[in-house]
Amino acid sequence: MENGWGNPENKIIQMYPNPATTVINFTFQGKVSQQHILQIYSFIGKKMYETRVQDTKLTVQLDENYYRGIYVYQLRDIAGRLIESGKFQVIK
């Protein structure tokens, strides 16, 4: 039985470019609203960014605080439950 876990077609978030240099774009599919929060963490667990989802597309500027490496994003609902997570790479 296929449950869809790990299947890219079932993802709520799509991001590009990956790897990123100056910006990372997130697009949201389905029922994502202002009740959802997007967070970005460095690979060592430092919170780099957090915002409420306002639209179907979000662009994050990768300023001088984003060093070369792997970053983890999390989409959470208003209660703090994890909806989706993933990772992207920054190359500078």
N, C-alpha and C. Protein backbone atom coordinates (compact mmCIF):
# COMPACT_ATOMS: atom_id res chain seq x y z
N MET A 1 0.84 -1.18 0.00
CA MET A 1 0.00 0.00 0.00
C MET A 1 0.89 1.24 0.00
N GLU A 2 0.62 2.17 -0.87
CA GLU A 2 1.39 3.41 -0.98
C GLU A 2 0.77 4.47 -0.08
N ASN A 3 1.58 5.01 0.84
CA ASN A 3 1.04 6.04 1.73
C ASN A 3 1.43 7.44 1.30
N GLY A 4 2.33 7.58 0.32
CA GLY A 4 2.66 8.89 -0.19
C GLY A 4 3.80 9.58 0.53
N TRP A 5 4.31 9.02 1.63
CA TRP A 5 5.42 9.66 2.34
C TRP A 5 6.63 9.71 1.44
N GLY A 6 7.26 10.87 1.38
CA GLY A 6 8.44 11.04 0.57
C GLY A 6 8.14 11.25 -0.91
N ASN A 7 6.89 11.24 -1.27
CA ASN A 7 6.50 11.42 -2.66
C ASN A 7 6.41 12.91 -2.96
N PRO A 8 7.22 13.43 -3.91
CA PRO A 8 7.23 14.88 -4.17
C PRO A 8 5.89 15.45 -4.59
N GLU A 9 5.02 14.65 -5.18
CA GLU A 9 3.70 15.16 -5.58
C GLU A 9 2.82 15.50 -4.40
N ASN A 10 3.11 14.92 -3.22
CA ASN A 10 2.30 15.18 -2.03
C ASN A 10 2.86 16.30 -1.17
N LYS A 11 3.91 16.94 -1.61
CA LYS A 11 4.53 18.02 -0.85
C LYS A 11 3.66 19.27 -0.90
N ILE A 12 3.60 19.98 0.22
CA ILE A 12 2.90 21.25 0.29
C ILE A 12 3.82 22.37 -0.17
N ILE A 13 5.11 22.24 0.16
CA ILE A 13 6.08 23.29 -0.16
C ILE A 13 6.99 22.84 -1.29
N GLN A 14 7.19 23.74 -2.23
CA GLN A 14 8.23 23.55 -3.24
C GLN A 14 9.17 24.74 -3.10
N MET A 15 10.46 24.50 -3.25
CA MET A 15 11.43 25.58 -3.10
C MET A 15 12.43 25.54 -4.24
N TYR A 16 12.95 26.70 -4.55
CA TYR A 16 13.94 26.84 -5.62
C TYR A 16 14.67 28.16 -5.44
N PRO A 17 15.86 28.36 -5.94
CA PRO A 17 16.74 27.31 -6.46
C PRO A 17 17.36 26.52 -5.32
N ASN A 18 17.78 25.35 -5.59
CA ASN A 18 18.47 24.53 -4.60
C ASN A 18 19.59 23.79 -5.31
N PRO A 19 20.84 24.18 -5.09
CA PRO A 19 21.34 25.07 -4.05
C PRO A 19 21.08 26.55 -4.35
N ALA A 20 21.04 27.33 -3.28
CA ALA A 20 20.73 28.76 -3.37
C ALA A 20 21.98 29.58 -3.08
N THR A 21 21.99 30.82 -3.58
CA THR A 21 23.12 31.71 -3.30
C THR A 21 22.67 32.99 -2.61
N THR A 22 21.68 33.70 -3.15
CA THR A 22 21.26 34.98 -2.56
C THR A 22 19.82 34.98 -2.07
N VAL A 23 18.96 34.16 -2.68
CA VAL A 23 17.55 34.05 -2.25
C VAL A 23 17.11 32.59 -2.35
N ILE A 24 16.08 32.27 -1.58
CA ILE A 24 15.39 30.97 -1.71
C ILE A 24 13.90 31.29 -1.79
N ASN A 25 13.23 30.70 -2.76
CA ASN A 25 11.80 30.92 -2.96
C ASN A 25 11.03 29.70 -2.49
N PHE A 26 9.94 29.95 -1.77
CA PHE A 26 9.04 28.88 -1.34
C PHE A 26 7.68 29.12 -1.99
N THR A 27 7.10 28.10 -2.57
CA THR A 27 5.73 28.18 -3.05
C THR A 27 4.92 27.14 -2.28
N PHE A 28 3.70 27.52 -1.92
CA PHE A 28 2.85 26.70 -1.08
C PHE A 28 1.65 26.20 -1.87
N GLN A 29 1.40 24.91 -1.78
CA GLN A 29 0.27 24.27 -2.45
C GLN A 29 -0.82 23.98 -1.42
N GLY A 30 -2.04 23.92 -1.87
CA GLY A 30 -3.13 23.46 -1.00
C GLY A 30 -3.57 24.50 0.01
N LYS A 31 -3.97 24.01 1.18
CA LYS A 31 -4.63 24.84 2.18
C LYS A 31 -3.63 25.41 3.18
N VAL A 32 -2.72 26.24 2.70
CA VAL A 32 -1.79 26.93 3.57
C VAL A 32 -2.32 28.34 3.77
N SER A 33 -2.37 28.79 5.03
CA SER A 33 -2.96 30.10 5.33
C SER A 33 -2.11 30.81 6.37
N GLN A 34 -2.62 31.92 6.87
CA GLN A 34 -1.92 32.68 7.90
C GLN A 34 -1.86 31.91 9.21
N GLN A 35 -2.51 30.77 9.27
CA GLN A 35 -2.42 29.91 10.44
C GLN A 35 -1.16 29.05 10.41
N HIS A 36 -0.35 29.21 9.37
CA HIS A 36 0.87 28.43 9.22
C HIS A 36 2.10 29.32 9.36
N ILE A 37 3.16 28.74 9.91
CA ILE A 37 4.41 29.46 10.15
C ILE A 37 5.54 28.71 9.46
N LEU A 38 6.37 29.44 8.72
CA LEU A 38 7.55 28.87 8.10
C LEU A 38 8.76 29.27 8.93
N GLN A 39 9.58 28.28 9.29
CA GLN A 39 10.80 28.51 10.05
C GLN A 39 11.97 27.93 9.28
N ILE A 40 13.12 28.61 9.39
CA ILE A 40 14.36 28.11 8.79
C ILE A 40 15.40 28.02 9.90
N TYR A 41 16.08 26.88 9.96
CA TYR A 41 17.12 26.64 10.95
C TYR A 41 18.42 26.29 10.25
N SER A 42 19.53 26.71 10.87
CA SER A 42 20.83 26.25 10.39
C SER A 42 20.96 24.78 10.76
N PHE A 43 21.96 24.13 10.21
CA PHE A 43 22.12 22.70 10.46
C PHE A 43 22.48 22.41 11.92
N ILE A 44 22.99 23.42 12.64
CA ILE A 44 23.30 23.22 14.06
C ILE A 44 22.13 23.61 14.96
N GLY A 45 20.99 23.97 14.35
CA GLY A 45 19.78 24.21 15.12
C GLY A 45 19.47 25.65 15.46
N LYS A 46 20.25 26.60 14.96
CA LYS A 46 19.97 28.01 15.22
C LYS A 46 18.84 28.48 14.33
N LYS A 47 17.81 29.11 14.94
CA LYS A 47 16.70 29.64 14.15
C LYS A 47 17.18 30.87 13.38
N MET A 48 17.06 30.79 12.05
CA MET A 48 17.53 31.85 11.18
C MET A 48 16.40 32.77 10.71
N TYR A 49 15.17 32.22 10.66
CA TYR A 49 14.07 32.96 10.04
C TYR A 49 12.75 32.36 10.51
N GLU A 50 11.75 33.23 10.70
CA GLU A 50 10.40 32.76 11.01
C GLU A 50 9.41 33.80 10.52
N THR A 51 8.35 33.33 9.87
CA THR A 51 7.30 34.23 9.41
C THR A 51 5.99 33.47 9.26
N ARG A 52 4.90 34.21 9.38
CA ARG A 52 3.60 33.64 9.05
C ARG A 52 3.47 33.63 7.53
N VAL A 53 2.85 32.60 7.02
CA VAL A 53 2.64 32.49 5.58
C VAL A 53 1.52 33.47 5.19
N GLN A 54 1.86 34.42 4.32
CA GLN A 54 0.90 35.45 3.91
C GLN A 54 0.33 35.23 2.52
N ASP A 55 1.05 34.44 1.71
CA ASP A 55 0.69 34.30 0.31
C ASP A 55 1.09 32.91 -0.16
N THR A 56 0.88 32.62 -1.44
CA THR A 56 1.26 31.32 -1.98
C THR A 56 2.72 31.26 -2.36
N LYS A 57 3.42 32.42 -2.29
CA LYS A 57 4.85 32.46 -2.59
C LYS A 57 5.56 33.34 -1.57
N LEU A 58 6.75 32.90 -1.18
CA LEU A 58 7.55 33.64 -0.21
C LEU A 58 9.00 33.61 -0.67
N THR A 59 9.66 34.76 -0.67
CA THR A 59 11.08 34.84 -1.02
C THR A 59 11.85 35.27 0.22
N VAL A 60 12.88 34.49 0.55
CA VAL A 60 13.72 34.79 1.71
C VAL A 60 15.09 35.23 1.19
N GLN A 61 15.53 36.41 1.63
CA GLN A 61 16.85 36.91 1.28
C GLN A 61 17.89 36.19 2.13
N LEU A 62 18.89 35.65 1.49
CA LEU A 62 19.96 34.95 2.20
C LEU A 62 21.11 35.94 2.41
N ASP A 63 21.03 36.68 3.50
CA ASP A 63 22.01 37.74 3.77
C ASP A 63 23.32 37.16 4.30
N GLU A 64 24.16 38.03 4.86
CA GLU A 64 25.48 37.60 5.33
C GLU A 64 25.44 36.63 6.50
N ASN A 65 24.28 36.47 7.13
CA ASN A 65 24.15 35.50 8.23
C ASN A 65 24.01 34.06 7.73
N TYR A 66 23.72 33.90 6.45
CA TYR A 66 23.59 32.56 5.87
C TYR A 66 24.92 32.17 5.24
N TYR A 67 25.58 31.23 5.90
CA TYR A 67 26.86 30.75 5.40
C TYR A 67 26.64 29.51 4.54
N ARG A 68 27.67 29.12 3.85
CA ARG A 68 27.64 27.90 3.04
C ARG A 68 27.26 26.73 3.95
N GLY A 69 26.28 25.93 3.50
CA GLY A 69 25.89 24.77 4.29
C GLY A 69 24.45 24.36 4.05
N ILE A 70 24.00 23.47 4.89
CA ILE A 70 22.65 22.91 4.80
C ILE A 70 21.74 23.63 5.80
N TYR A 71 20.53 23.95 5.36
CA TYR A 71 19.52 24.58 6.21
C TYR A 71 18.24 23.75 6.16
N VAL A 72 17.51 23.76 7.26
CA VAL A 72 16.29 22.99 7.38
C VAL A 72 15.11 23.96 7.47
N TYR A 73 14.06 23.68 6.70
CA TYR A 73 12.84 24.48 6.84
C TYR A 73 11.75 23.62 7.45
N GLN A 74 10.86 24.28 8.19
CA GLN A 74 9.72 23.60 8.80
C GLN A 74 8.47 24.44 8.60
N LEU A 75 7.40 23.80 8.22
CA LEU A 75 6.09 24.44 8.15
C LEU A 75 5.28 23.90 9.32
N ARG A 76 4.81 24.81 10.17
CA ARG A 76 4.06 24.41 11.36
C ARG A 76 2.69 25.09 11.35
N ASP A 77 1.72 24.43 12.00
CA ASP A 77 0.40 25.06 12.13
C ASP A 77 0.40 25.95 13.38
N ILE A 78 -0.71 26.60 13.64
CA ILE A 78 -0.80 27.57 14.72
C ILE A 78 -0.56 26.93 16.09
N ALA A 79 -0.83 25.64 16.21
CA ALA A 79 -0.61 24.92 17.47
C ALA A 79 0.84 24.44 17.61
N GLY A 80 1.65 24.68 16.58
CA GLY A 80 3.04 24.27 16.63
C GLY A 80 3.32 22.88 16.09
N ARG A 81 2.29 22.21 15.56
CA ARG A 81 2.50 20.87 15.01
C ARG A 81 3.22 20.96 13.66
N LEU A 82 4.17 20.07 13.46
CA LEU A 82 4.94 20.04 12.23
C LEU A 82 4.07 19.51 11.09
N ILE A 83 3.96 20.29 10.02
CA ILE A 83 3.19 19.90 8.84
C ILE A 83 4.12 19.29 7.80
N GLU A 84 5.26 19.96 7.57
CA GLU A 84 6.22 19.48 6.58
C GLU A 84 7.58 20.06 6.90
N SER A 85 8.61 19.33 6.54
CA SER A 85 9.97 19.84 6.69
C SER A 85 10.81 19.38 5.51
N GLY A 86 11.93 20.02 5.34
CA GLY A 86 12.84 19.67 4.26
C GLY A 86 14.13 20.42 4.46
N LYS A 87 15.01 20.32 3.47
CA LYS A 87 16.30 21.00 3.60
C LYS A 87 16.70 21.59 2.25
N PHE A 88 17.57 22.57 2.34
CA PHE A 88 18.15 23.17 1.15
C PHE A 88 19.59 23.54 1.45
N GLN A 89 20.34 23.77 0.39
CA GLN A 89 21.75 24.07 0.52
C GLN A 89 22.03 25.50 0.08
N VAL A 90 22.91 26.18 0.82
CA VAL A 90 23.37 27.51 0.45
C VAL A 90 24.82 27.38 0.03
N ILE A 91 25.13 27.92 -1.14
CA ILE A 91 26.51 27.95 -1.63
C ILE A 91 26.89 29.40 -1.88
N LYS A 92 27.91 29.85 -1.20
CA LYS A 92 28.38 31.24 -1.36
C LYS A 92 29.88 31.21 -1.51
